[in-house]
C-alpha cells in the first residue's frame, strides 16, 4: 500500500534515470520506464498517465547520437598508397637534370644552339624517345612557326613535359594534342605521319607521287582509330594508347626499313589494296561512293540489307553518311576491313540470352561470330568456309607461330593479284 501511495517523483530510481535522460544519456531506454509505470497503474492511474506522457515527451526530446565521421589521421592516409596515375606512374629513378644536360650537349653541336627539323632526329634520341617523335617535339617547342628551335625553349618545354607526363602514352598525347586537350583527334596525326612519308626509307618512292601522300595518311589515320579507339568516340585517350600496340609500332619504324612488315598500321601494300578497291567502285573519282557503287563490291556479294544498314548512319560516326547518302574514302577503309575480317577476340561459344535474343556480348564471346556474320552479309564467304579444308588452319600459322588474320591474308592475296594485273597491262601497252 505504501508503494502505491508514493508519487512518481519520490521514486529515487526513476528520478535518477530521469535526470540521466534529461542529460542525454545514451543508455536510458523507454522500456525501463514503462515497466515501473505499470506498478502504479491501479492506484495512481491518472498520475501514471500524466507521467507517461511526460516521459515520452522527454524521450522524443532526447538528443540522438549522431555518427560523426572522424577525419583520417595522417598515419592512416599515408598507409594507403596512390594507385591511380592518369599521366603514368612517376619514375623515381628518372634523372631529369642528367637528361637535360644530355639534350644541351646535343644542341651545342648546332649553329647558335638552334635545331632545325633535320636535326630533330638527334634531339629525339637525346630525349630517349623514338626517332619519329621528332616532328611532334619540334612543333610543340614552336619550331613549326619559326623554322628552328632554340636550346632554351626546347629545354623548358621538355622539362615541363617530364614533370607532368610519366610514360610514353601520356607524352605522346601531350606532344600531338591541341592545347588544353588530353586526347588525340584525327587531324592531330597529320604532321607526324607526313614526316613518316617524307623520311622513311620504305616510302621513298612516294616522293615522286605527292598526290598519294594524303591518301596514304588518311588510310593510316583510319587504321589507327579502327584499332586503338575502342570507345568509338573519335578521341584517342592515354588509356587507349596504353592498351594498344601503336606506340610499339611507331618505335619499330626506326628499325624496320620495310613498312609492309608493319601490317597493323603502316603497310603500303595494305593501303594500295584498299585504295584500288575504292577506286574500282568510285567511277566518277570524286572520292565518294553511293549505295549503287557499294553494291558492286566483290561482284555484288554484299546483301542489300547490309548496304542499307551502312547508309542509314547507324554504324558510322556522325550523321554525315545518312544525310549525304554517300561514303567517303575514310569511311570505306572501315567498311572494307570490317567486311573482310569479322573475327574478334572472343571465347568459344555463343550463348543465347533467356529471351532468345543474341546480344553484342554473345557475339564477342563466340569464336565463330565471323561465320555468323557472313551467313547474313556475304554468302559466298560462308560457302567458302563450309567447303574449306579442315586442316587449313594449321597452314595459316606463320613461321613465328602466330595466326595470320583474315585481313592480312586478304591484303596479301589481293596485292599479288593487283600487281600481276598491272604487269600484264604494262606488257600489253608495250606491245
Protein backbone atom coordinates (compact mmCIF):
# COMPACT_ATOMS: atom_id res chain seq x y z
CA UNK A 1 0.00 0.00 0.00
CA UNK A 2 2.83 2.35 0.79
CA UNK A 3 4.33 1.71 -2.62
CA UNK A 4 1.13 2.83 -4.30
CA UNK A 5 0.94 5.99 -2.22
CA UNK A 6 4.35 7.14 -3.29
CA UNK A 7 4.25 9.63 -6.06
CA UNK A 8 6.36 9.09 -9.14
CA UNK A 9 8.67 11.96 -8.24
CA UNK A 10 9.51 10.30 -4.89
CA UNK A 11 10.86 7.13 -6.52
CA UNK A 12 14.65 7.61 -6.25
CA UNK A 13 15.49 5.18 -9.06
CA UNK A 14 13.17 6.83 -11.54
CA UNK A 15 14.31 10.28 -10.51
CA UNK A 16 17.92 9.27 -11.15
CA UNK A 17 17.12 7.80 -14.54
CA UNK A 18 15.01 10.83 -15.48
CA UNK A 19 17.95 13.03 -14.64
CA UNK A 20 20.20 10.91 -16.86
CA UNK A 21 17.61 11.05 -19.60
CA UNK A 22 17.47 14.84 -19.39
CA UNK A 23 21.25 14.98 -19.75
CA UNK A 24 21.06 12.96 -22.97
CA UNK A 25 22.39 9.66 -21.69
CA UNK A 26 22.56 7.10 -24.50
CA UNK A 27 21.88 4.10 -22.24
CA UNK A 28 18.39 5.00 -20.92
CA UNK A 29 15.60 3.12 -22.69
CA UNK A 30 11.86 3.92 -22.58
CA UNK A 31 11.01 0.29 -21.80
CA UNK A 32 12.54 0.66 -18.33
CA UNK A 33 10.11 3.48 -17.50
CA UNK A 34 7.13 1.60 -18.88
CA UNK A 35 7.89 -1.37 -16.64
CA UNK A 36 7.93 0.79 -13.49
CA UNK A 37 4.84 2.71 -14.51
CA UNK A 38 2.77 -0.47 -14.69
CA UNK A 39 3.23 -0.84 -10.89
CA UNK A 40 1.33 2.41 -10.31
CA UNK A 41 -1.47 1.88 -12.85
CA UNK A 42 -4.10 0.51 -10.39
CA UNK A 43 -3.69 3.03 -7.60
CA UNK A 44 -2.49 6.09 -9.43
CA UNK A 45 -3.81 5.65 -12.94
CA UNK A 46 -4.26 9.34 -13.55
CA UNK A 47 -0.83 10.25 -12.21
CA UNK A 48 0.81 7.48 -14.18
CA UNK A 49 -0.78 8.57 -17.46
CA UNK A 50 0.45 12.10 -16.93
CA UNK A 51 3.95 10.97 -16.10
CA UNK A 52 3.99 8.52 -19.00
CA UNK A 53 3.18 11.32 -21.42
CA UNK A 54 5.91 13.39 -19.85
CA UNK A 55 8.37 10.52 -20.21
CA UNK A 56 7.55 10.01 -23.87
CA UNK A 57 7.97 13.72 -24.47
CA UNK A 58 11.33 13.66 -22.74
CA UNK A 59 12.39 10.71 -24.88
CA UNK A 60 11.32 12.50 -28.04
CA UNK A 61 13.38 15.50 -26.98
CA UNK A 62 16.43 13.40 -26.18
CA UNK A 63 19.38 14.32 -28.39
CA UNK A 64 20.05 11.46 -30.80
CA UNK A 65 23.58 10.17 -31.10
CA UNK A 66 24.91 11.45 -34.43
CA UNK A 67 27.58 9.41 -36.15
CA UNK A 68 30.37 11.79 -36.96
CA UNK A 69 32.99 10.61 -39.41
CA UNK A 70 36.32 11.28 -37.90
CA UNK A 71 38.96 12.63 -40.24
CA UNK A 72 41.51 10.13 -41.40
CA UNK A 73 44.70 10.58 -39.49
CA UNK A 74 47.92 11.34 -41.30
CA UNK A 75 49.40 7.98 -40.42
CA UNK A 76 46.37 6.12 -41.79
CA UNK A 77 46.26 8.12 -45.02
CA UNK A 78 49.94 7.50 -45.63
CA UNK A 79 49.42 3.76 -45.33
CA UNK A 80 47.21 3.72 -48.47
CA UNK A 81 49.48 4.24 -51.49
CA UNK A 82 48.28 6.14 -54.54
CA UNK A 83 47.03 3.74 -57.18
CA UNK A 84 45.60 5.96 -59.95
CA UNK A 85 48.07 7.60 -62.31
CA UNK A 86 46.28 9.11 -65.35
CA UNK A 87 49.58 10.52 -66.63
CA UNK A 88 51.57 7.39 -65.87
CA UNK A 89 53.37 6.26 -62.74
CA UNK A 90 56.24 8.64 -61.81
CA UNK A 91 59.68 7.09 -62.13
CA UNK A 92 61.77 7.60 -59.03
CA UNK A 93 64.93 6.65 -60.91
CA UNK A 94 64.50 9.30 -63.63
CA UNK A 95 67.37 11.79 -63.59
CA UNK A 96 65.80 14.88 -65.16
CA UNK A 97 68.88 17.08 -64.76
CA UNK A 98 71.09 14.47 -66.35
CA UNK A 99 68.69 14.13 -69.28
CA UNK A 100 68.57 17.90 -69.76
CA UNK A 101 72.37 18.06 -69.75
CA UNK A 102 72.42 15.42 -72.47
CA UNK A 103 69.99 17.48 -74.57
CA UNK A 104 72.00 20.67 -74.08
CA UNK A 105 75.12 18.85 -75.25
CA UNK A 106 73.36 17.86 -78.47
CA UNK A 107 72.18 21.44 -79.07
CA UNK A 108 75.72 22.73 -78.58
CA UNK A 109 76.67 20.98 -81.83
CA UNK A 110 74.22 23.07 -83.87
CA UNK A 111 74.87 26.64 -85.11
CA UNK A 112 73.73 29.17 -82.49
CA UNK A 113 72.40 26.21 -80.46
CA UNK A 114 69.36 26.08 -82.73
CA UNK A 115 67.93 22.85 -84.13
CA UNK A 116 66.14 22.61 -87.48
CA UNK A 117 63.75 19.86 -88.47
CA UNK A 118 66.66 17.92 -89.96
CA UNK A 119 68.42 17.98 -86.57
CA UNK A 120 65.46 16.79 -84.54
CA UNK A 121 66.30 13.12 -85.00
CA UNK A 122 69.37 13.56 -82.79
CA UNK A 123 67.35 15.60 -80.30
CA UNK A 124 64.65 12.92 -80.12
CA UNK A 125 67.22 10.25 -79.33
CA UNK A 126 68.77 12.51 -76.66
CA UNK A 127 65.30 12.75 -75.11
CA UNK A 128 65.20 8.92 -75.11
CA UNK A 129 62.22 9.00 -77.48
CA UNK A 130 61.61 7.01 -80.68
CA UNK A 131 63.05 8.63 -83.81
CA UNK A 132 59.71 9.51 -85.36
CA UNK A 133 58.67 11.61 -82.39
CA UNK A 134 60.94 14.29 -83.85
CA UNK A 135 58.26 16.37 -85.61
CA UNK A 136 55.86 16.40 -82.62
CA UNK A 137 58.79 17.51 -80.43
CA UNK A 138 59.73 20.18 -82.97
CA UNK A 139 56.17 21.52 -83.25
CA UNK A 140 55.46 21.62 -79.52
CA UNK A 141 58.61 23.68 -78.98
CA UNK A 142 57.40 26.20 -81.58
CA UNK A 143 59.63 25.10 -84.44
CA UNK A 144 56.75 24.94 -86.93
CA UNK A 145 56.33 28.72 -86.58
CA UNK A 146 59.97 29.84 -86.68
CA UNK A 147 61.67 27.05 -88.61
CA UNK A 148 64.05 26.27 -85.75
CA UNK A 149 64.07 25.57 -82.01
CA UNK A 150 66.46 27.20 -79.54
CA UNK A 151 68.02 25.17 -76.77
CA UNK A 152 66.40 27.25 -74.01
CA UNK A 153 62.90 26.94 -75.44
CA UNK A 154 63.21 23.24 -76.05
CA UNK A 155 64.66 22.51 -72.61
CA UNK A 156 61.85 24.46 -70.93
CA UNK A 157 59.25 22.55 -72.96
CA UNK A 158 60.76 19.13 -72.30
CA UNK A 159 61.34 19.74 -68.60
CA UNK A 160 57.67 20.67 -68.19
CA UNK A 161 56.67 17.58 -70.15
CA UNK A 162 58.74 15.31 -67.91
CA UNK A 163 57.21 16.86 -64.80
CA UNK A 164 53.62 16.22 -65.93
CA UNK A 165 53.86 13.12 -68.16
CA UNK A 166 55.43 9.96 -66.79
CA UNK A 167 55.04 7.34 -69.53
CA UNK A 168 55.20 7.15 -73.32
CA UNK A 169 51.42 7.26 -73.82
CA UNK A 170 50.92 10.48 -71.86
CA UNK A 171 53.98 12.08 -73.50
CA UNK A 172 52.77 11.19 -76.99
CA UNK A 173 49.31 12.62 -76.34
CA UNK A 174 50.86 15.75 -74.85
CA UNK A 175 53.07 16.23 -77.92
CA UNK A 176 50.36 15.77 -80.54
CA UNK A 177 47.19 17.06 -78.86
CA UNK A 178 45.77 20.53 -79.24
CA UNK A 179 46.34 22.95 -76.31
CA UNK A 180 44.10 22.09 -73.38
CA UNK A 181 43.15 18.64 -74.73
CA UNK A 182 44.05 15.31 -73.16
CA UNK A 183 43.06 13.25 -76.22
CA UNK A 184 44.00 12.92 -79.88
CA UNK A 185 41.76 13.58 -82.86
CA UNK A 186 42.36 12.50 -86.44
CA UNK A 187 43.95 15.72 -87.67
CA UNK A 188 46.46 15.64 -84.79
CA UNK A 189 48.28 12.77 -86.53
CA UNK A 190 48.81 14.51 -89.88
CA UNK A 191 52.17 16.29 -89.19
CA UNK A 192 53.55 13.15 -87.55
CA UNK A 193 52.52 10.89 -90.46
CA UNK A 194 53.66 13.39 -93.08
CA UNK A 195 57.14 13.16 -91.59
CA UNK A 196 56.97 9.36 -91.84
CA UNK A 197 56.10 9.69 -95.54
CA UNK A 198 58.87 12.22 -96.13
CA UNK A 199 61.69 10.49 -94.29
CA UNK A 200 61.10 6.74 -94.05
CA UNK A 201 63.25 4.70 -96.40
CA UNK A 202 60.43 2.28 -97.17
CA UNK A 203 58.27 5.12 -98.54
CA UNK A 204 60.95 6.93 -100.54
CA UNK A 205 59.17 6.11 -103.82
CA UNK A 206 56.22 8.24 -102.71
CA UNK A 207 58.30 11.39 -103.09
CA UNK A 208 57.58 11.21 -106.82
CA UNK A 209 53.83 10.85 -106.20
CA UNK A 210 52.79 13.65 -103.82
CA UNK A 211 49.12 13.12 -104.71
CA UNK A 212 49.20 9.82 -102.86
CA UNK A 213 50.57 11.33 -99.66
CA UNK A 214 47.17 12.42 -98.38
CA UNK A 215 45.58 9.09 -99.40
CA UNK A 216 48.20 7.08 -97.54
CA UNK A 217 47.98 9.34 -94.48
CA UNK A 218 44.18 9.09 -94.47
CA UNK A 219 44.41 5.30 -94.62
CA UNK A 220 46.88 5.09 -91.73
CA UNK A 221 44.84 7.51 -89.60
CA UNK A 222 41.68 5.46 -90.12
CA UNK A 223 43.52 2.25 -89.26
CA UNK A 224 44.88 3.86 -86.10
CA UNK A 225 41.41 4.83 -84.94
CA UNK A 226 39.99 1.49 -86.09
CA UNK A 227 42.41 -0.45 -83.87
CA UNK A 228 43.05 1.96 -80.99
CA UNK A 229 39.87 3.98 -80.42
CA UNK A 230 37.79 1.20 -78.87
CA UNK A 231 35.41 3.70 -77.28
CA UNK A 232 34.41 4.82 -80.83
CA UNK A 233 34.34 8.46 -79.74
CA UNK A 234 36.78 9.77 -82.32
CA UNK A 235 39.12 10.75 -79.47
CA UNK A 236 42.07 8.56 -78.51
CA UNK A 237 42.98 8.80 -74.82
CA UNK A 238 46.12 7.82 -72.94
CA UNK A 239 44.38 4.73 -71.62
CA UNK A 240 43.51 3.53 -75.12
CA UNK A 241 47.08 4.11 -76.27
CA UNK A 242 48.41 2.06 -73.36
CA UNK A 243 46.09 -0.83 -74.21
CA UNK A 244 47.15 -0.85 -77.88
CA UNK A 245 50.46 -1.63 -79.55
CA UNK A 246 50.53 1.55 -81.65
CA UNK A 247 53.49 3.14 -79.86
CA UNK A 248 55.43 -0.09 -80.23
CA UNK A 249 54.78 0.08 -83.99
CA UNK A 250 55.96 3.70 -84.05
CA UNK A 251 59.20 2.63 -82.40
CA UNK A 252 59.60 -0.17 -84.96
CA UNK A 253 59.51 2.37 -87.80
CA UNK A 254 63.08 3.27 -86.90
CA UNK A 255 64.27 -0.33 -87.06
CA UNK A 256 62.18 -1.73 -89.91
CA UNK A 257 63.05 -0.44 -93.37
CA UNK A 258 60.16 -2.29 -94.99
CA UNK A 259 56.92 -0.65 -93.85
CA UNK A 260 54.98 -3.57 -95.33
CA UNK A 261 56.14 -5.64 -92.36
CA UNK A 262 54.16 -3.31 -90.06
CA UNK A 263 50.83 -4.72 -91.17
CA UNK A 264 48.65 -3.27 -88.44
CA UNK A 265 49.04 0.42 -89.31
CA UNK A 266 51.74 1.49 -91.78
CA UNK A 267 51.80 -1.13 -94.55
CA UNK A 268 51.87 0.47 -98.00
CA UNK A 269 50.64 -2.76 -99.60
CA UNK A 270 47.54 -2.66 -97.44
CA UNK A 271 46.96 0.96 -98.42
CA UNK A 272 47.36 0.03 -102.08
CA UNK A 273 44.74 -2.72 -101.82
CA UNK A 274 42.22 -0.50 -100.01
CA UNK A 275 42.67 2.40 -102.39
CA UNK A 276 42.43 0.24 -105.52
CA UNK A 277 39.24 -1.40 -104.23
CA UNK A 278 37.76 2.04 -103.61
CA UNK A 279 38.93 3.34 -106.99
CA UNK A 280 37.13 0.48 -108.77
CA UNK A 281 33.84 1.49 -107.15
CA UNK A 282 34.32 5.26 -107.43
CA UNK A 283 33.63 5.53 -111.15
CA UNK A 284 33.47 9.34 -111.21
CA UNK A 285 36.58 9.56 -108.97
CA UNK A 286 35.22 12.22 -106.65
CA UNK A 287 36.35 10.13 -103.64
CA UNK A 288 32.75 9.33 -102.69
CA UNK A 289 30.58 6.28 -103.39
CA UNK A 290 26.82 5.78 -103.06
CA UNK A 291 24.72 2.67 -102.48
CA UNK A 292 24.82 1.60 -106.13
CA UNK A 293 28.60 1.88 -106.16
CA UNK A 294 28.99 -0.13 -102.96
CA UNK A 295 26.62 -2.81 -104.26
CA UNK A 296 29.20 -3.67 -106.95
CA UNK A 297 31.82 -4.55 -104.33
CA UNK A 298 33.12 -8.13 -104.52
CA UNK A 299 30.89 -8.99 -107.51
CA UNK A 300 27.75 -7.89 -105.67
CA UNK A 301 28.32 -10.36 -102.84
CA UNK A 302 27.13 -7.93 -100.14
CA UNK A 303 23.44 -8.17 -99.25
CA UNK A 304 21.18 -5.18 -99.92
CA UNK A 305 20.07 -5.19 -96.28
CA UNK A 306 23.66 -4.69 -95.15
CA UNK A 307 24.21 -1.86 -97.63
CA UNK A 308 21.05 -0.11 -96.45
CA UNK A 309 22.20 -0.54 -92.87
CA UNK A 310 25.55 1.10 -93.63
CA UNK A 311 23.99 4.12 -95.31
CA UNK A 312 21.38 4.50 -92.57
CA UNK A 313 24.06 6.11 -90.39
CA UNK A 314 23.65 3.53 -87.64
CA UNK A 315 27.12 2.06 -87.92
CA UNK A 316 29.02 5.22 -88.86
CA UNK A 317 30.14 8.03 -86.60
CA UNK A 318 28.07 11.17 -87.05
CA UNK A 319 25.14 11.74 -89.39
CA UNK A 320 27.05 12.82 -92.50
CA UNK A 321 26.69 9.47 -94.29
CA UNK A 322 22.94 9.36 -93.69
CA UNK A 323 22.37 12.99 -94.74
CA UNK A 324 24.55 12.93 -97.84
CA UNK A 325 23.80 9.35 -98.83
CA UNK A 326 27.42 8.57 -99.69
CA UNK A 327 30.59 7.13 -98.18
CA UNK A 328 33.94 8.89 -98.19
CA UNK A 329 37.23 7.10 -98.69
CA UNK A 330 37.85 7.26 -94.93
CA UNK A 331 34.51 5.52 -94.30
CA UNK A 332 35.36 2.89 -96.91
CA UNK A 333 38.55 1.96 -95.01
CA UNK A 334 36.43 1.00 -92.01
CA UNK A 335 33.94 -0.86 -94.21
CA UNK A 336 36.49 -2.95 -96.09
CA UNK A 337 38.48 -4.05 -93.04
CA UNK A 338 35.28 -4.91 -91.16
CA UNK A 339 33.80 -6.78 -94.12
CA UNK A 340 36.94 -8.82 -94.75
CA UNK A 341 37.91 -9.63 -91.16
CA UNK A 342 34.91 -10.27 -88.91
CA UNK A 343 36.86 -12.07 -86.19
CA UNK A 344 37.04 -10.66 -82.69
CA UNK A 345 39.00 -11.54 -79.56
CA UNK A 346 36.34 -13.80 -78.09
CA UNK A 347 35.77 -17.01 -76.22
CA UNK A 348 34.49 -20.26 -77.62
CA UNK A 349 30.74 -20.47 -77.67
CA UNK A 350 27.65 -18.48 -78.49
CA UNK A 351 25.11 -18.24 -75.67
CA UNK A 352 21.56 -17.09 -76.18
CA UNK A 353 20.00 -14.86 -73.56
CA UNK A 354 16.86 -16.04 -71.74
CA UNK A 355 14.67 -14.00 -74.10
CA UNK A 356 16.22 -15.78 -77.12
CA UNK A 357 17.99 -12.67 -78.38
CA UNK A 358 21.62 -12.54 -79.47
CA UNK A 359 23.41 -9.65 -77.80
CA UNK A 360 26.71 -7.95 -78.59
CA UNK A 361 28.22 -9.70 -75.60
CA UNK A 362 27.14 -13.07 -77.00
CA UNK A 363 28.82 -12.31 -80.32
CA UNK A 364 32.03 -11.19 -78.63
CA UNK A 365 32.13 -14.43 -76.67
CA UNK A 366 31.67 -16.58 -79.76
CA UNK A 367 34.79 -17.60 -81.67
CA UNK A 368 32.71 -18.32 -84.77
CA UNK A 369 30.94 -14.97 -84.85
CA UNK A 370 32.60 -14.12 -88.20
CA UNK A 371 30.83 -17.12 -89.74
CA UNK A 372 27.59 -15.93 -88.19
CA UNK A 373 28.02 -12.52 -89.83
CA UNK A 374 28.95 -13.96 -93.22
CA UNK A 375 25.74 -16.00 -93.15
CA UNK A 376 23.80 -12.74 -93.39
CA UNK A 377 26.26 -10.38 -95.09
CA UNK A 378 28.33 -12.36 -97.60
CA UNK A 379 27.00 -15.77 -98.56
CA UNK A 380 29.99 -16.54 -100.80
CA UNK A 381 32.37 -16.33 -97.84
CA UNK A 382 30.06 -18.54 -95.84
CA UNK A 383 30.08 -21.20 -98.56
CA UNK A 384 33.86 -20.97 -98.88
CA UNK A 385 34.17 -21.63 -95.17
CA UNK A 386 31.79 -24.59 -95.34
CA UNK A 387 33.82 -26.17 -98.16
CA UNK A 388 37.29 -25.40 -96.82
CA UNK A 389 39.94 -27.93 -95.86
CA UNK A 390 39.56 -28.66 -92.11
CA UNK A 391 43.35 -28.71 -91.78
CA UNK A 392 43.78 -25.32 -93.44
CA UNK A 393 44.07 -23.58 -90.08
CA UNK A 394 47.37 -25.34 -89.43
CA UNK A 395 48.81 -23.91 -92.64
CA UNK A 396 47.55 -20.42 -91.81
CA UNK A 397 50.06 -20.05 -88.99
CA UNK A 398 53.20 -18.11 -89.89
CA UNK A 399 56.78 -19.06 -89.08
CA UNK A 400 56.62 -17.28 -85.71
CA UNK A 401 53.70 -19.41 -84.61
CA UNK A 402 51.22 -16.53 -84.85
CA UNK A 403 47.96 -16.93 -86.71
CA UNK A 404 47.63 -14.67 -89.74
CA UNK A 405 44.47 -12.56 -89.58
CA UNK A 406 41.83 -12.70 -92.29
CA UNK A 407 42.64 -9.12 -93.25
CA UNK A 408 46.38 -9.75 -93.62
CA UNK A 409 45.71 -12.83 -95.73
CA UNK A 410 43.22 -10.96 -97.91
CA UNK A 411 45.51 -7.95 -98.38
CA UNK A 412 48.46 -10.15 -99.37
CA UNK A 413 46.41 -12.10 -101.92
CA UNK A 414 44.78 -9.02 -103.40
CA UNK A 415 48.08 -7.16 -103.62
CA UNK A 416 49.66 -10.01 -105.59
CA UNK A 417 46.65 -10.07 -107.90
CA UNK A 418 46.72 -6.32 -108.47
CA UNK A 419 50.45 -6.31 -109.16
CA UNK A 420 50.07 -9.18 -111.62
CA UNK A 421 47.24 -7.40 -113.42
CA UNK A 422 49.24 -4.19 -113.61
CA UNK A 423 52.26 -6.04 -115.00
CA UNK A 424 50.07 -7.72 -117.62
CA UNK A 425 48.62 -4.37 -118.65
CA UNK A 426 52.10 -2.89 -118.98
CA UNK A 427 53.13 -5.74 -121.27
CA UNK A 428 50.06 -5.19 -123.43
CA UNK A 429 50.81 -1.49 -123.70
CA UNK A 430 54.41 -2.20 -124.69
CA UNK A 431 53.22 -4.45 -127.50
